[in-house]
Amino acid sequence: MRSIRFAAVAMTLLAIIGAWLTMSINRFPKDWLTTPNMAVVVSVIGLTYVVPALISTAICNSVASTKR
């Protein structure tokens, strides 16, 4: 039950972060978007690869087992 709870909370947070980023990306300074910054690169990689992998793992672990 913890896995599905984690997946639901993580998906909600990911949706909120995505919506916020969509609405506020045009307010960022142009230098932030054109010059690679290590913190931005790491956060984008985390949001793109790591977080969805954790969420999908939690969803897979929350499926009821058929073994008894």
C-alpha atoms as a PDB file:
ATOM      1  CA  MET A   1       0.000   0.000   0.000  1.00  0.00           C
ATOM      2  CA  ARG A   2       2.945   2.316   0.621  1.00  0.00           C
ATOM      3  CA  SER A   3       4.132   1.959  -2.971  1.00  0.00           C
ATOM      4  CA  ILE A   4       0.878   3.137  -4.494  1.00  0.00           C
ATOM      5  CA  ARG A   5       0.738   6.018  -2.028  1.00  0.00           C
ATOM      6  CA  PHE A   6       4.277   7.022  -2.991  1.00  0.00           C
ATOM      7  CA  ALA A   7       3.401   6.752  -6.685  1.00  0.00           C
ATOM      8  CA  ALA A   8       0.283   8.887  -6.286  1.00  0.00           C
ATOM      9  CA  VAL A   9       2.083  11.607  -4.337  1.00  0.00           C
ATOM     10  CA  ALA A  10       5.057  11.582  -6.705  1.00  0.00           C
ATOM     11  CA  MET A  11       2.850  11.806  -9.802  1.00  0.00           C
ATOM     12  CA  THR A  12       0.958  14.720  -8.259  1.00  0.00           C
ATOM     13  CA  LEU A  13       4.188  16.539  -7.422  1.00  0.00           C
ATOM     14  CA  LEU A  14       5.576  15.862 -10.891  1.00  0.00           C
ATOM     15  CA  ALA A  15       2.411  17.273 -12.449  1.00  0.00           C
ATOM     16  CA  ILE A  16       2.569  20.379 -10.236  1.00  0.00           C
ATOM     17  CA  ILE A  17       6.246  20.949 -11.052  1.00  0.00           C
ATOM     18  CA  GLY A  18       5.571  20.461 -14.766  1.00  0.00           C
ATOM     19  CA  ALA A  19       2.643  22.875 -14.731  1.00  0.00           C
ATOM     20  CA  TRP A  20       4.654  25.467 -12.817  1.00  0.00           C
ATOM     21  CA  LEU A  21       7.595  25.100 -15.188  1.00  0.00           C
ATOM     22  CA  THR A  22       5.339  25.448 -18.217  1.00  0.00           C
ATOM     23  CA  MET A  23       3.822  28.661 -16.919  1.00  0.00           C
ATOM     24  CA  SER A  24       7.047  30.268 -15.681  1.00  0.00           C
ATOM     25  CA  ILE A  25       9.718  29.239 -18.213  1.00  0.00           C
ATOM     26  CA  ASN A  26       9.310  32.493 -20.136  1.00  0.00           C
ATOM     27  CA  ARG A  27      10.136  34.474 -16.975  1.00  0.00           C
ATOM     28  CA  PHE A  28      13.550  32.866 -16.576  1.00  0.00           C
ATOM     29  CA  PRO A  29      16.527  34.960 -17.657  1.00  0.00           C
ATOM     30  CA  LYS A  30      17.756  34.116 -21.169  1.00  0.00           C
ATOM     31  CA  ASP A  31      21.197  33.195 -19.800  1.00  0.00           C
ATOM     32  CA  TRP A  32      19.638  30.380 -17.765  1.00  0.00           C
ATOM     33  CA  LEU A  33      18.154  28.849 -20.900  1.00  0.00           C
ATOM     34  CA  THR A  34      21.108  29.276 -23.260  1.00  0.00           C
ATOM     35  CA  THR A  35      24.163  28.693 -21.042  1.00  0.00           C
ATOM     36  CA  PRO A  36      24.489  25.179 -19.616  1.00  0.00           C
ATOM     37  CA  ASN A  37      24.543  25.196 -15.833  1.00  0.00           C
ATOM     38  CA  MET A  38      25.434  22.010 -13.964  1.00  0.00           C
ATOM     39  CA  ALA A  39      22.574  22.399 -11.461  1.00  0.00           C
ATOM     40  CA  VAL A  40      20.004  22.827 -14.235  1.00  0.00           C
ATOM     41  CA  VAL A  41      21.392  19.888 -16.203  1.00  0.00           C
ATOM     42  CA  VAL A  42      21.315  17.618 -13.143  1.00  0.00           C
ATOM     43  CA  SER A  43      17.772  18.672 -12.211  1.00  0.00           C
ATOM     44  CA  VAL A  44      16.500  18.114 -15.758  1.00  0.00           C
ATOM     45  CA  ILE A  45      18.124  14.678 -15.903  1.00  0.00           C
ATOM     46  CA  GLY A  46      16.596  13.869 -12.529  1.00  0.00           C
ATOM     47  CA  LEU A  47      13.128  14.983 -13.567  1.00  0.00           C
ATOM     48  CA  THR A  48      13.416  13.242 -16.917  1.00  0.00           C
ATOM     49  CA  TYR A  49      14.908   9.872 -15.978  1.00  0.00           C
ATOM     50  CA  VAL A  50      15.219   9.266 -12.252  1.00  0.00           C
ATOM     51  CA  VAL A  51      11.823  10.403 -10.957  1.00  0.00           C
ATOM     52  CA  PRO A  52       9.753   8.530 -13.586  1.00  0.00           C
ATOM     53  CA  ALA A  53      11.828   5.396 -12.964  1.00  0.00           C
ATOM     54  CA  LEU A  54      11.101   5.598  -9.238  1.00  0.00           C
ATOM     55  CA  ILE A  55       7.403   6.192  -9.870  1.00  0.00           C
ATOM     56  CA  SER A  56       7.093   3.293 -12.316  1.00  0.00           C
ATOM     57  CA  THR A  57       8.922   1.010  -9.892  1.00  0.00           C
ATOM     58  CA  ALA A  58       6.513   2.004  -7.141  1.00  0.00           C
ATOM     59  CA  ILE A  59       3.556   1.319  -9.415  1.00  0.00           C
ATOM     60  CA  CYS A  60       4.928  -2.110 -10.342  1.00  0.00           C
ATOM     61  CA  ASN A  61       5.536  -2.953  -6.691  1.00  0.00           C
ATOM     62  CA  SER A  62       2.004  -1.946  -5.771  1.00  0.00           C
ATOM     63  CA  VAL A  63       0.377  -4.487  -8.104  1.00  0.00           C
ATOM     64  CA  ALA A  64      -1.012  -7.402  -6.163  1.00  0.00           C
ATOM     65  CA  SER A  65       1.049 -10.555  -6.450  1.00  0.00           C
ATOM     66  CA  THR A  66      -0.522 -13.653  -7.955  1.00  0.00           C
ATOM     67  CA  LYS A  67       1.819 -16.001  -6.072  1.00  0.00           C
ATOM     68  CA  ARG A  68       0.647 -17.529  -2.821  1.00  0.00           C
END
